[in-house]
Amino acid sequence: MTTAYTPGRTRWHARTAVHLWPARQTGRRASWVLVPEPTTVPQTRRRVRRKLSDWGLSAQAEVVELLVSEVVTNAMRHSWGAVMSLAMDDGTLRCEVQDTNPAPPRVREVHEGDEGGRGMYLMQALSTSWGSHPLSTGKVVWFEVACEPETAPAETEESRDDE
């Protein structure tokens, strides 16, 4: 069961869908193993920015970086590690973060003086859609952003950046 939010809908809804990448799909891919260290979030932002530049998607980099910061920060705070994947297909960039914590993300009531709790509101405002689904080993939190390349991408084959 996937919990998802799509702009234009006034309520949270559940739908059964799991995003799977077909083995021979032609889109661009990147993935990283994330460990809970102080440098993980900024390092992941830099990797994402470089990858988006390689793919000719620099115009969307600020929004994607902000959303990546949210999902990676939450994974690092609430689990023992994670795997993050980016996929670009048919004008849609999808980011998935799989972590070891089974608790789904939740929208919290936020007050003016609160330092946190706004991540899900950012997901609603800046992504095309987002959601999560449980796994036997934790969960996946994902978001999608509409992206059109400015120029031909530098990489056209499946890529994996293990920096």
Protein backbone atom coordinates (compact mmCIF):
# COMPACT_ATOMS: atom_id res chain seq x y z
CA MET A 1 0.00 0.00 0.00
CA THR A 2 1.42 3.37 -1.00
CA THR A 3 0.46 6.55 0.76
CA ALA A 4 0.65 9.44 -1.65
CA TYR A 5 -0.15 13.09 -2.03
CA THR A 6 -0.96 14.60 -5.40
CA PRO A 7 -1.53 18.37 -5.76
CA GLY A 8 -5.12 19.26 -6.53
CA ARG A 9 -6.50 16.70 -4.13
CA THR A 10 -7.72 17.98 -0.82
CA ARG A 11 -7.13 14.81 1.19
CA TRP A 12 -4.44 12.25 1.71
CA HIS A 13 -5.29 9.03 -0.02
CA ALA A 14 -3.92 5.54 -0.22
CA ARG A 15 -3.33 3.69 -3.44
CA THR A 16 -1.74 0.39 -4.21
CA ALA A 17 1.28 0.99 -6.38
CA VAL A 18 4.92 0.18 -6.06
CA HIS A 19 7.40 1.85 -8.37
CA LEU A 20 9.64 -0.79 -9.93
CA TRP A 21 12.33 -0.12 -12.51
CA PRO A 22 12.19 -2.57 -15.43
CA ALA A 23 15.53 -4.25 -16.02
CA ARG A 24 16.06 -2.84 -19.52
CA GLN A 25 14.59 0.66 -19.12
CA THR A 26 16.48 3.35 -21.05
CA GLY A 27 16.19 6.27 -18.59
CA ARG A 28 18.97 7.68 -16.46
CA ARG A 29 19.65 6.22 -13.00
CA ALA A 30 21.90 6.94 -10.03
CA SER A 31 21.99 5.51 -6.51
CA TRP A 32 24.00 5.94 -3.34
CA VAL A 33 24.31 4.16 0.00
CA LEU A 34 23.83 6.66 2.83
CA VAL A 35 25.30 6.25 6.30
CA PRO A 36 24.24 8.32 9.33
CA GLU A 37 27.22 10.68 9.54
CA PRO A 38 27.26 14.49 9.83
CA THR A 39 28.55 14.88 6.25
CA THR A 40 25.94 12.66 4.57
CA VAL A 41 23.25 15.27 3.86
CA PRO A 42 25.53 17.96 2.35
CA GLN A 43 27.49 15.33 0.43
CA THR A 44 24.26 13.88 -0.98
CA ARG A 45 23.08 17.36 -2.03
CA ARG A 46 26.36 17.89 -3.93
CA ARG A 47 26.06 14.49 -5.62
CA VAL A 48 22.49 15.22 -6.67
CA ARG A 49 23.43 18.66 -8.03
CA ARG A 50 26.28 17.13 -10.08
CA LYS A 51 24.04 14.36 -11.39
CA LEU A 52 21.29 16.79 -12.40
CA SER A 53 23.91 18.91 -14.19
CA ASP A 54 25.17 15.79 -16.01
CA TRP A 55 21.60 15.06 -17.09
CA GLY A 56 20.95 18.65 -18.26
CA LEU A 57 18.51 19.37 -15.41
CA SER A 58 20.28 22.25 -13.65
CA ALA A 59 17.16 24.44 -13.76
CA GLN A 60 15.41 22.11 -11.28
CA ALA A 61 18.45 21.57 -9.04
CA GLU A 62 17.46 23.94 -6.21
CA VAL A 63 14.01 22.39 -5.72
CA VAL A 64 15.30 18.82 -6.02
CA GLU A 65 18.19 19.55 -3.64
CA LEU A 66 15.81 20.95 -1.03
CA LEU A 67 13.50 17.93 -1.25
CA VAL A 68 16.47 15.53 -1.16
CA SER A 69 17.70 17.31 1.97
CA GLU A 70 14.35 16.71 3.63
CA VAL A 71 14.05 13.00 2.87
CA VAL A 72 17.73 12.23 3.53
CA THR A 73 17.79 14.22 6.80
CA ASN A 74 14.75 12.30 8.03
CA ALA A 75 16.29 8.97 7.03
CA MET A 76 19.54 9.83 8.83
CA ARG A 77 17.72 10.98 11.97
CA HIS A 78 15.33 8.06 12.24
CA SER A 79 17.12 5.01 10.83
CA TRP A 80 20.46 3.19 10.70
CA GLY A 81 21.19 3.99 7.08
CA ALA A 82 19.52 4.31 3.73
CA VAL A 83 19.81 3.90 -0.01
CA MET A 84 18.84 6.82 -2.24
CA SER A 85 18.01 6.45 -5.92
CA LEU A 86 17.33 9.00 -8.65
CA ALA A 87 15.62 8.10 -11.91
CA MET A 88 14.79 10.33 -14.87
CA ASP A 89 12.21 9.04 -17.36
CA ASP A 90 9.80 10.79 -19.70
CA GLY A 91 10.16 14.25 -18.15
CA THR A 92 9.80 13.07 -14.55
CA LEU A 93 12.58 12.88 -11.99
CA ARG A 94 11.87 10.41 -9.19
CA CYS A 95 13.84 10.23 -5.95
CA GLU A 96 13.43 7.27 -3.58
CA VAL A 97 15.01 6.89 -0.16
CA GLN A 98 14.77 3.43 1.37
CA ASP A 99 15.56 3.32 5.08
CA THR A 100 15.34 0.86 7.96
CA ASN A 101 12.62 2.63 9.97
CA PRO A 102 9.13 1.20 9.30
CA ALA A 103 7.31 4.32 10.57
CA PRO A 104 5.76 6.27 7.68
CA PRO A 105 6.33 10.01 7.36
CA ARG A 106 3.61 12.07 8.96
CA VAL A 107 2.39 15.60 8.59
CA ARG A 108 2.70 17.41 11.91
CA GLU A 109 1.00 20.52 13.16
CA VAL A 110 3.71 23.17 13.19
CA HIS A 111 3.78 26.30 15.32
CA GLU A 112 5.68 29.51 14.65
CA GLY A 113 8.58 28.79 17.02
CA ASP A 114 9.09 25.15 15.96
CA GLU A 115 12.46 24.40 14.40
CA GLY A 116 11.30 21.35 12.45
CA GLY A 117 8.22 19.61 11.17
CA ARG A 118 7.82 21.43 7.85
CA GLY A 119 9.30 18.79 5.53
CA MET A 120 6.02 17.24 4.44
CA TYR A 121 4.62 20.71 3.69
CA LEU A 122 7.63 21.32 1.43
CA MET A 123 6.95 17.99 -0.30
CA GLN A 124 3.34 19.05 -0.92
CA ALA A 125 4.33 22.47 -2.22
CA LEU A 126 7.32 21.62 -4.41
CA SER A 127 6.87 18.10 -5.79
CA THR A 128 4.53 16.84 -8.47
CA SER A 129 3.65 13.96 -6.15
CA TRP A 130 5.17 12.14 -3.20
CA GLY A 131 4.45 9.29 -0.85
CA SER A 132 5.78 6.26 0.96
CA HIS A 133 5.29 2.54 1.08
CA PRO A 134 6.32 -0.04 3.68
CA LEU A 135 8.90 -2.75 3.15
CA SER A 136 9.69 -5.76 5.30
CA THR A 137 12.98 -4.01 6.16
CA GLY A 138 11.66 -0.46 6.65
CA LYS A 139 10.05 1.88 4.11
CA VAL A 140 10.58 3.90 0.95
CA VAL A 141 9.82 7.62 0.84
CA TRP A 142 9.67 9.04 -2.67
CA PHE A 143 8.91 12.21 -4.56
CA GLU A 144 8.59 13.18 -8.21
CA VAL A 145 9.34 16.49 -9.94
CA ALA A 146 8.52 17.36 -13.55
CA CYS A 147 11.81 18.05 -15.36
CA GLU A 148 12.70 18.86 -18.93
CA PRO A 149 16.38 18.87 -19.91
CA GLU A 150 17.83 22.19 -21.09
CA THR A 151 20.30 20.44 -23.37
CA ALA A 152 21.25 16.93 -24.34
CA PRO A 153 22.39 15.05 -21.21
CA ALA A 154 26.06 14.19 -20.78
CA GLU A 155 25.15 10.61 -19.80
CA THR A 156 22.69 8.47 -21.72
CA GLU A 157 23.31 5.02 -20.30
CA GLU A 158 22.42 3.69 -16.90
CA SER A 159 24.72 5.32 -14.38
CA ARG A 160 25.79 4.60 -10.86
CA ASP A 161 27.75 7.11 -8.81
CA ASP A 162 29.50 5.47 -5.87
CA GLU A 163 31.49 8.48 -4.69
